[in-house]
Amino acid sequence: MSRLLIIDDDTELCTLLIERLAEDGFVLQAVHDGKAGLKRAISGEYALVILDVMLPGMKGMDVLRELRLRSSVPVLMLTARGDDVDRIIGLEMGADDYLPKPFNSRELIARIKAILRRLDERRAGPDRFTAGDIAIDTSTREAWVDGASIHLTTVEFALLETLVRNAGRSLTREYLTEAVLERVLGAFDRTIDVHISNLRKKLDSHREIERIKTIRGSGYLLTLRKPGEDL
């Protein structure tokens, strides 16, 4: 049974989710303020953290910022409906996905299972893949660019793996959303674009080389560059 943590000051919601997720085999533990939630989240005890944006003591974004400095545990953010700013900021800071309140518990469970399934699939598949100067190890969820290690979130790693497996091919936003997030791309869904932006920054930070190109009207493409190759 997977142990999950929810950090949310809505005690009634937490109680309902504890009962509902138990029906699907999850053990959900709740903390109702940011500081205590951060301490529990970095403990390494949980497979995934559900994090509300609005929290007493320490705001959700601050919790996420501190958490990402110490842990790569998957994080699903809960945001106010219609608040696109919080969603984008959360994704840019390393959240794996988000869900606006109020939400259907079935949708939450589907998002949780999709994130955890990505972790399991990477651990079960072939270990090592390379594309030019980029290498990934699915068993340890490690990635390297030109020999230098880079730290990736769960979704960023899944996205990079998809790009590496399809290096040199243009992949549409629709394909990437379905392959990486396991859902259909919505009309105003910018989630995959924010993750691409975050991944691009990490890949290009070691050397000023654009490794993920935007193909106008099509999607994104991972370029192939040999180790040590200059511009």
Protein backbone atom coordinates (compact mmCIF):
# COMPACT_ATOMS: atom_id res chain seq x y z
CA MET A 1 0.00 0.00 0.00
CA SER A 2 1.39 3.39 -1.02
CA ARG A 3 1.69 5.97 1.73
CA LEU A 4 0.69 9.47 0.71
CA LEU A 5 0.79 12.80 2.52
CA ILE A 6 -1.71 15.63 2.19
CA ILE A 7 -0.85 19.10 3.49
CA ASP A 8 -4.13 21.02 3.66
CA ASP A 9 -5.88 22.98 6.42
CA ASP A 10 -9.33 21.82 5.29
CA THR A 11 -9.79 19.09 7.90
CA GLU A 12 -13.13 17.95 6.50
CA LEU A 13 -11.65 17.49 3.03
CA CYS A 14 -8.70 15.58 4.46
CA THR A 15 -10.98 13.23 6.36
CA LEU A 16 -13.05 12.53 3.27
CA LEU A 17 -9.95 11.89 1.15
CA ILE A 18 -8.41 9.58 3.76
CA GLU A 19 -11.53 7.43 3.58
CA ARG A 20 -11.89 7.63 -0.20
CA LEU A 21 -8.24 6.85 -1.02
CA ALA A 22 -8.26 3.91 1.40
CA GLU A 23 -10.81 2.28 -0.92
CA ASP A 24 -8.14 2.33 -3.65
CA GLY A 25 -5.42 0.92 -1.43
CA PHE A 26 -3.70 4.18 -0.39
CA VAL A 27 -2.76 5.17 3.14
CA LEU A 28 -3.21 8.93 3.31
CA GLN A 29 -1.89 10.91 6.26
CA ALA A 30 -2.84 14.56 6.79
CA VAL A 31 -1.01 17.58 8.17
CA HIS A 32 -2.80 20.91 8.43
CA ASP A 33 -0.06 23.54 8.42
CA GLY A 34 2.88 24.26 6.16
CA LYS A 35 5.83 23.95 8.52
CA ALA A 36 4.77 20.60 9.96
CA GLY A 37 3.88 19.42 6.47
CA LEU A 38 7.34 20.25 5.12
CA LYS A 39 8.99 18.32 7.94
CA ARG A 40 6.89 15.26 7.15
CA ALA A 41 7.30 15.61 3.38
CA ILE A 42 11.11 15.48 3.53
CA SER A 43 11.09 12.41 5.77
CA GLY A 44 11.22 10.00 2.81
CA GLU A 45 8.20 8.07 4.12
CA TYR A 46 5.79 9.01 1.36
CA ALA A 47 5.38 8.04 -2.29
CA LEU A 48 3.63 11.33 -3.13
CA VAL A 49 2.66 14.63 -1.51
CA ILE A 50 -0.65 16.44 -2.10
CA LEU A 51 0.01 20.11 -1.32
CA ASP A 52 -2.52 22.94 -1.01
CA VAL A 53 -1.44 26.43 -2.04
CA MET A 54 -3.17 28.25 0.83
CA LEU A 55 -1.80 27.08 4.19
CA PRO A 56 -1.36 28.59 7.66
CA GLY A 57 2.14 29.03 9.06
CA MET A 58 3.92 28.52 5.75
CA LYS A 59 2.38 29.00 2.32
CA GLY A 60 2.19 26.09 -0.07
CA MET A 61 4.60 27.67 -2.56
CA ASP A 62 7.18 28.16 0.19
CA VAL A 63 6.74 24.54 1.24
CA LEU A 64 7.26 23.45 -2.36
CA ARG A 65 10.36 25.63 -2.75
CA GLU A 66 11.99 24.19 0.38
CA LEU A 67 10.90 20.67 -0.45
CA ARG A 68 12.48 20.78 -3.89
CA LEU A 69 15.82 21.77 -2.33
CA ARG A 70 15.83 18.53 -0.31
CA SER A 71 13.65 15.95 -2.06
CA SER A 72 12.39 14.77 -5.46
CA VAL A 73 9.19 13.24 -4.02
CA PRO A 74 6.32 13.75 -6.49
CA VAL A 75 4.06 16.70 -5.62
CA LEU A 76 0.48 17.28 -6.75
CA MET A 77 -0.62 20.86 -6.05
CA LEU A 78 -4.17 21.86 -5.12
CA THR A 79 -4.99 25.33 -6.45
CA ALA A 80 -7.98 27.65 -6.55
CA ARG A 81 -10.13 27.16 -9.63
CA GLY A 82 -9.27 29.68 -12.31
CA ASP A 83 -6.02 30.78 -10.66
CA ASP A 84 -3.66 30.17 -13.57
CA VAL A 85 -0.84 32.09 -11.89
CA ASP A 86 -0.61 29.65 -8.98
CA ARG A 87 -0.69 26.69 -11.35
CA ILE A 88 2.11 27.98 -13.55
CA ILE A 89 4.26 29.07 -10.59
CA GLY A 90 3.79 25.70 -8.94
CA LEU A 91 4.84 23.84 -12.08
CA GLU A 92 7.83 26.13 -12.57
CA MET A 93 8.92 25.45 -8.99
CA GLY A 94 8.84 21.69 -9.50
CA ALA A 95 5.30 20.43 -8.88
CA ASP A 96 4.50 17.36 -10.97
CA ASP A 97 0.88 18.24 -11.59
CA TYR A 98 -1.97 20.35 -10.22
CA LEU A 99 -5.69 20.02 -9.59
CA PRO A 100 -8.03 23.00 -9.09
CA LYS A 101 -10.49 23.03 -6.18
CA PRO A 102 -13.20 21.89 -5.93
CA PHE A 103 -12.37 18.57 -7.57
CA ASN A 104 -13.81 15.12 -7.99
CA SER A 105 -12.03 12.52 -5.86
CA ARG A 106 -11.93 10.18 -8.87
CA GLU A 107 -9.93 12.78 -10.80
CA LEU A 108 -7.50 13.15 -7.88
CA ILE A 109 -7.01 9.40 -7.68
CA ALA A 110 -6.46 9.21 -11.45
CA ARG A 111 -3.77 11.90 -11.25
CA ILE A 112 -2.08 10.16 -8.31
CA LYS A 113 -2.08 6.79 -10.07
CA ALA A 114 -0.67 8.33 -13.25
CA ILE A 115 2.26 9.88 -11.38
CA LEU A 116 3.03 6.71 -9.44
CA ARG A 117 2.66 4.55 -12.55
CA ARG A 118 5.30 6.65 -14.30
CA LEU A 119 7.69 5.90 -11.44
CA ASP A 120 7.00 2.17 -11.57
CA GLU A 121 7.35 1.96 -15.35
CA ARG A 122 10.73 3.67 -15.30
CA ARG A 123 12.00 1.31 -12.62
CA ALA A 124 10.81 -1.78 -14.50
CA GLY A 125 12.05 -0.90 -17.98
CA PRO A 126 15.53 -1.02 -19.57
CA ASP A 127 18.01 0.91 -17.51
CA ARG A 128 19.99 3.24 -19.73
CA PHE A 129 19.23 5.35 -22.78
CA THR A 130 21.29 7.97 -24.57
CA ALA A 131 20.65 10.63 -27.20
CA GLY A 132 23.76 12.54 -28.20
CA ASP A 133 25.29 13.99 -25.04
CA ILE A 134 22.21 13.23 -22.93
CA ALA A 135 22.03 10.02 -20.90
CA ILE A 136 19.33 8.73 -18.56
CA ASP A 137 19.09 5.78 -16.20
CA THR A 138 15.49 4.72 -15.61
CA SER A 139 16.30 2.44 -12.67
CA THR A 140 17.83 5.24 -10.60
CA ARG A 141 15.99 8.13 -12.32
CA GLU A 142 19.29 9.90 -12.93
CA ALA A 143 20.14 12.05 -15.93
CA TRP A 144 23.34 13.54 -17.31
CA VAL A 145 24.10 16.22 -19.88
CA ASP A 146 27.59 16.13 -21.39
CA GLY A 147 28.64 14.05 -18.37
CA ALA A 148 27.22 16.45 -15.78
CA SER A 149 24.40 15.23 -13.52
CA ILE A 150 21.13 17.19 -13.50
CA HIS A 151 18.33 17.03 -10.94
CA LEU A 152 14.87 16.40 -12.40
CA THR A 153 11.37 16.10 -10.97
CA THR A 154 9.31 13.00 -11.71
CA VAL A 155 7.50 14.63 -14.63
CA GLU A 156 10.66 16.25 -16.00
CA PHE A 157 12.36 12.86 -16.03
CA ALA A 158 9.39 11.24 -17.76
CA LEU A 159 9.36 14.05 -20.30
CA LEU A 160 13.09 13.78 -20.95
CA GLU A 161 12.80 10.01 -21.35
CA THR A 162 10.05 10.46 -23.93
CA LEU A 163 12.15 13.00 -25.83
CA VAL A 164 15.27 10.81 -25.65
CA ARG A 165 13.39 7.78 -26.95
CA ASN A 166 12.16 9.94 -29.84
CA ALA A 167 15.28 12.09 -30.36
CA GLY A 168 15.28 13.90 -33.68
CA ARG A 169 11.50 13.57 -34.07
CA SER A 170 8.99 16.37 -33.59
CA LEU A 171 6.47 15.44 -30.88
CA THR A 172 3.18 17.30 -30.58
CA ARG A 173 1.92 18.85 -27.36
CA GLU A 174 -1.01 16.45 -27.55
CA TYR A 175 1.29 13.42 -27.76
CA LEU A 176 3.52 14.60 -24.93
CA THR A 177 0.55 15.37 -22.68
CA GLU A 178 -0.89 11.90 -23.21
CA ALA A 179 2.47 10.09 -22.98
CA VAL A 180 3.83 11.96 -19.96
CA LEU A 181 0.78 13.21 -18.01
CA GLU A 182 -1.57 10.43 -19.15
CA ARG A 183 -4.45 12.75 -19.98
CA VAL A 184 -5.90 14.54 -23.00
CA LEU A 185 -4.59 18.03 -23.67
CA GLY A 186 -7.19 20.62 -22.66
CA ALA A 187 -7.88 23.81 -24.60
CA PHE A 188 -6.10 26.04 -22.08
CA ASP A 189 -3.75 23.49 -20.52
CA ARG A 190 -0.18 24.84 -20.45
CA THR A 191 1.18 22.17 -18.11
CA ILE A 192 3.37 20.40 -20.66
CA ASP A 193 4.73 23.75 -21.94
CA VAL A 194 5.82 24.77 -18.43
CA HIS A 195 7.51 21.41 -17.88
CA ILE A 196 9.27 21.78 -21.26
CA SER A 197 10.46 25.25 -20.22
CA ASN A 198 11.80 23.94 -16.90
CA LEU A 199 13.52 20.97 -18.56
CA ARG A 200 15.00 23.16 -21.27
CA LYS A 201 16.59 25.43 -18.66
CA LYS A 202 18.17 22.48 -16.88
CA LEU A 203 19.49 20.90 -20.07
CA ASP A 204 20.90 24.16 -21.38
CA SER A 205 22.32 25.47 -18.09
CA HIS A 206 25.61 23.55 -18.46
CA ARG A 207 26.35 25.01 -21.90
CA GLU A 208 24.50 27.55 -24.01
CA ILE A 209 23.03 25.03 -26.43
CA GLU A 210 19.34 24.74 -27.29
CA ARG A 211 18.63 21.04 -26.96
CA ILE A 212 14.82 21.20 -27.10
CA LYS A 213 13.58 23.12 -30.11
CA THR A 214 10.06 24.45 -30.55
CA ILE A 215 8.64 23.44 -33.92
CA ARG A 216 6.04 26.04 -34.84
CA GLY A 217 2.64 24.49 -35.40
CA SER A 218 3.94 21.04 -34.50
CA GLY A 219 5.48 20.67 -31.05
CA TYR A 220 8.93 20.00 -29.63
CA LEU A 221 12.05 18.21 -30.82
CA LEU A 222 15.15 17.01 -28.96
CA THR A 223 18.25 17.75 -31.03
CA LEU A 224 21.18 15.37 -31.09
CA ARG A 225 24.57 16.71 -30.06
CA LYS A 226 27.67 14.63 -29.48
CA PRO A 227 29.46 14.84 -26.09
CA GLY A 228 31.87 17.78 -26.09
CA GLU A 229 30.55 19.15 -29.38
CA ASP A 230 30.60 22.95 -29.60
CA LEU A 231 28.11 25.25 -31.26
